[in-house]
Amino acid sequence: MEISDYQDQVIIEIKKLREKEGLSQAKLSEILGISRGQMSNIENPNYTHKYTLKQINAICEHLNYPIEKVFLPNTRISAECSKAIKVLVDSIIKYEE
């Protein structure tokens, strides 16, 4: 199973953010509570296992980065809309648990 172009774009955004913030894959795996191998696989285009919404949210919260910028990097979003997106993401994560 190949990942979609959109999934690849999300992974690239997370990787760019990780590198911009000076986080190694090892440090990010520690933050997410996953193994280094799993972390490496997530960013490897040859593996289909990718970040979960909960993991993306954890990364964004740790780096104080708006989650919508990961999924919609070229879209301007108002502060009010950003708050609504955060509530929606938190609700989806809670539902999945």
C-alpha atoms as a PDB file:
ATOM      1  CA  MET A   1       0.000   0.000   0.000  1.00  0.00           C
ATOM      2  CA  GLU A   2       1.480   3.313  -1.052  1.00  0.00           C
ATOM      3  CA  ILE A   3       0.935   6.520   0.830  1.00  0.00           C
ATOM      4  CA  SER A   4      -0.952   9.304  -0.882  1.00  0.00           C
ATOM      5  CA  ASP A   5       0.593  12.568  -1.996  1.00  0.00           C
ATOM      6  CA  TYR A   6      -1.353  14.291   0.779  1.00  0.00           C
ATOM      7  CA  GLN A   7       0.030  11.938   3.442  1.00  0.00           C
ATOM      8  CA  ASP A   8       3.503  12.555   2.055  1.00  0.00           C
ATOM      9  CA  GLN A   9       2.947  16.333   2.286  1.00  0.00           C
ATOM     10  CA  VAL A  10       1.909  16.028   5.950  1.00  0.00           C
ATOM     11  CA  ILE A  11       5.007  13.943   6.725  1.00  0.00           C
ATOM     12  CA  ILE A  12       7.206  16.503   4.978  1.00  0.00           C
ATOM     13  CA  GLU A  13       5.609  19.324   7.011  1.00  0.00           C
ATOM     14  CA  ILE A  14       6.220  17.460  10.287  1.00  0.00           C
ATOM     15  CA  LYS A  15       9.788  16.623   9.293  1.00  0.00           C
ATOM     16  CA  LYS A  16      10.512  20.247   8.325  1.00  0.00           C
ATOM     17  CA  LEU A  17       9.051  21.419  11.632  1.00  0.00           C
ATOM     18  CA  ARG A  18      11.066  18.831  13.567  1.00  0.00           C
ATOM     19  CA  GLU A  19      14.284  19.859  11.852  1.00  0.00           C
ATOM     20  CA  LYS A  20      13.529  23.605  12.178  1.00  0.00           C
ATOM     21  CA  GLU A  21      13.090  23.131  15.927  1.00  0.00           C
ATOM     22  CA  GLY A  22      16.347  21.170  16.124  1.00  0.00           C
ATOM     23  CA  LEU A  23      14.702  17.933  17.226  1.00  0.00           C
ATOM     24  CA  SER A  24      16.292  14.642  16.281  1.00  0.00           C
ATOM     25  CA  GLN A  25      14.145  11.660  15.412  1.00  0.00           C
ATOM     26  CA  ALA A  26      15.313  10.138  18.706  1.00  0.00           C
ATOM     27  CA  LYS A  27      14.091  13.133  20.720  1.00  0.00           C
ATOM     28  CA  LEU A  28      10.763  13.234  18.896  1.00  0.00           C
ATOM     29  CA  SER A  29      10.290   9.502  19.448  1.00  0.00           C
ATOM     30  CA  GLU A  30      10.869  10.131  23.153  1.00  0.00           C
ATOM     31  CA  ILE A  31       8.265  12.928  23.171  1.00  0.00           C
ATOM     32  CA  LEU A  32       5.741  10.645  21.431  1.00  0.00           C
ATOM     33  CA  GLY A  33       6.555   7.587  23.519  1.00  0.00           C
ATOM     34  CA  ILE A  34       7.437   5.437  20.516  1.00  0.00           C
ATOM     35  CA  SER A  35      10.575   3.564  19.521  1.00  0.00           C
ATOM     36  CA  ARG A  36      13.289   5.174  17.415  1.00  0.00           C
ATOM     37  CA  GLY A  37      12.665   2.525  14.767  1.00  0.00           C
ATOM     38  CA  GLN A  38       8.995   3.426  14.554  1.00  0.00           C
ATOM     39  CA  MET A  39       9.917   7.094  14.343  1.00  0.00           C
ATOM     40  CA  SER A  40      12.311   6.374  11.489  1.00  0.00           C
ATOM     41  CA  ASN A  41       9.666   4.313   9.691  1.00  0.00           C
ATOM     42  CA  ILE A  42       7.145   7.142   9.962  1.00  0.00           C
ATOM     43  CA  GLU A  43       9.382   9.500   8.005  1.00  0.00           C
ATOM     44  CA  ASN A  44      10.507   6.818   5.546  1.00  0.00           C
ATOM     45  CA  PRO A  45       8.431   6.957   2.332  1.00  0.00           C
ATOM     46  CA  ASN A  46       8.835   3.184   1.881  1.00  0.00           C
ATOM     47  CA  TYR A  47       6.719   2.400   4.975  1.00  0.00           C
ATOM     48  CA  THR A  48       2.965   2.866   5.156  1.00  0.00           C
ATOM     49  CA  HIS A  49       2.719   3.405   8.931  1.00  0.00           C
ATOM     50  CA  LYS A  50       2.495   7.131   9.475  1.00  0.00           C
ATOM     51  CA  TYR A  51       1.714   9.577  12.254  1.00  0.00           C
ATOM     52  CA  THR A  52      -1.633   9.325  13.983  1.00  0.00           C
ATOM     53  CA  LEU A  53      -3.696  12.429  14.623  1.00  0.00           C
ATOM     54  CA  LYS A  54      -2.891  12.069  18.313  1.00  0.00           C
ATOM     55  CA  GLN A  55       0.839  12.053  17.550  1.00  0.00           C
ATOM     56  CA  ILE A  56       0.617  15.071  15.239  1.00  0.00           C
ATOM     57  CA  ASN A  57      -1.351  16.892  17.909  1.00  0.00           C
ATOM     58  CA  ALA A  58       1.271  16.002  20.544  1.00  0.00           C
ATOM     59  CA  ILE A  59       4.060  17.317  18.303  1.00  0.00           C
ATOM     60  CA  CYS A  60       2.184  20.552  17.659  1.00  0.00           C
ATOM     61  CA  GLU A  61       1.398  21.037  21.341  1.00  0.00           C
ATOM     62  CA  HIS A  62       5.018  20.336  22.339  1.00  0.00           C
ATOM     63  CA  LEU A  63       6.288  22.866  19.792  1.00  0.00           C
ATOM     64  CA  ASN A  64       3.434  25.343  20.301  1.00  0.00           C
ATOM     65  CA  TYR A  65       2.633  25.079  16.592  1.00  0.00           C
ATOM     66  CA  PRO A  66      -0.902  25.329  15.163  1.00  0.00           C
ATOM     67  CA  ILE A  67      -1.996  21.890  13.946  1.00  0.00           C
ATOM     68  CA  GLU A  68      -3.852  23.356  10.981  1.00  0.00           C
ATOM     69  CA  LYS A  69      -0.519  24.532   9.546  1.00  0.00           C
ATOM     70  CA  VAL A  70       0.541  20.894   9.259  1.00  0.00           C
ATOM     71  CA  PHE A  71      -2.533  19.937   7.239  1.00  0.00           C
ATOM     72  CA  LEU A  72      -3.098  23.249   5.443  1.00  0.00           C
ATOM     73  CA  PRO A  73       0.332  24.892   5.261  1.00  0.00           C
ATOM     74  CA  ASN A  74      -0.588  27.480   2.621  1.00  0.00           C
ATOM     75  CA  THR A  75      -3.959  28.510   4.040  1.00  0.00           C
ATOM     76  CA  ARG A  76      -4.637  31.556   6.177  1.00  0.00           C
ATOM     77  CA  ILE A  77      -6.826  30.689   9.126  1.00  0.00           C
ATOM     78  CA  SER A  78      -8.299  33.168  11.582  1.00  0.00           C
ATOM     79  CA  ALA A  79      -7.655  32.875  15.315  1.00  0.00           C
ATOM     80  CA  GLU A  80     -11.324  32.002  15.857  1.00  0.00           C
ATOM     81  CA  CYS A  81     -11.179  29.238  13.273  1.00  0.00           C
ATOM     82  CA  SER A  82      -7.909  27.977  14.749  1.00  0.00           C
ATOM     83  CA  LYS A  83      -9.574  27.592  18.154  1.00  0.00           C
ATOM     84  CA  ALA A  84     -12.461  25.680  16.568  1.00  0.00           C
ATOM     85  CA  ILE A  85     -10.030  23.385  14.771  1.00  0.00           C
ATOM     86  CA  LYS A  86      -8.228  22.665  18.053  1.00  0.00           C
ATOM     87  CA  VAL A  87     -11.539  21.734  19.729  1.00  0.00           C
ATOM     88  CA  LEU A  88     -12.417  19.495  16.785  1.00  0.00           C
ATOM     89  CA  VAL A  89      -9.031  17.744  16.810  1.00  0.00           C
ATOM     90  CA  ASP A  90      -9.234  17.185  20.573  1.00  0.00           C
ATOM     91  CA  SER A  91     -12.752  15.776  20.169  1.00  0.00           C
ATOM     92  CA  ILE A  92     -11.678  13.388  17.404  1.00  0.00           C
ATOM     93  CA  ILE A  93      -8.748  12.153  19.485  1.00  0.00           C
ATOM     94  CA  LYS A  94     -10.998  11.637  22.491  1.00  0.00           C
ATOM     95  CA  TYR A  95     -13.504   9.762  20.313  1.00  0.00           C
ATOM     96  CA  GLU A  96     -10.769   7.476  18.955  1.00  0.00           C
ATOM     97  CA  GLU A  97      -9.625   6.555  22.456  1.00  0.00           C
END
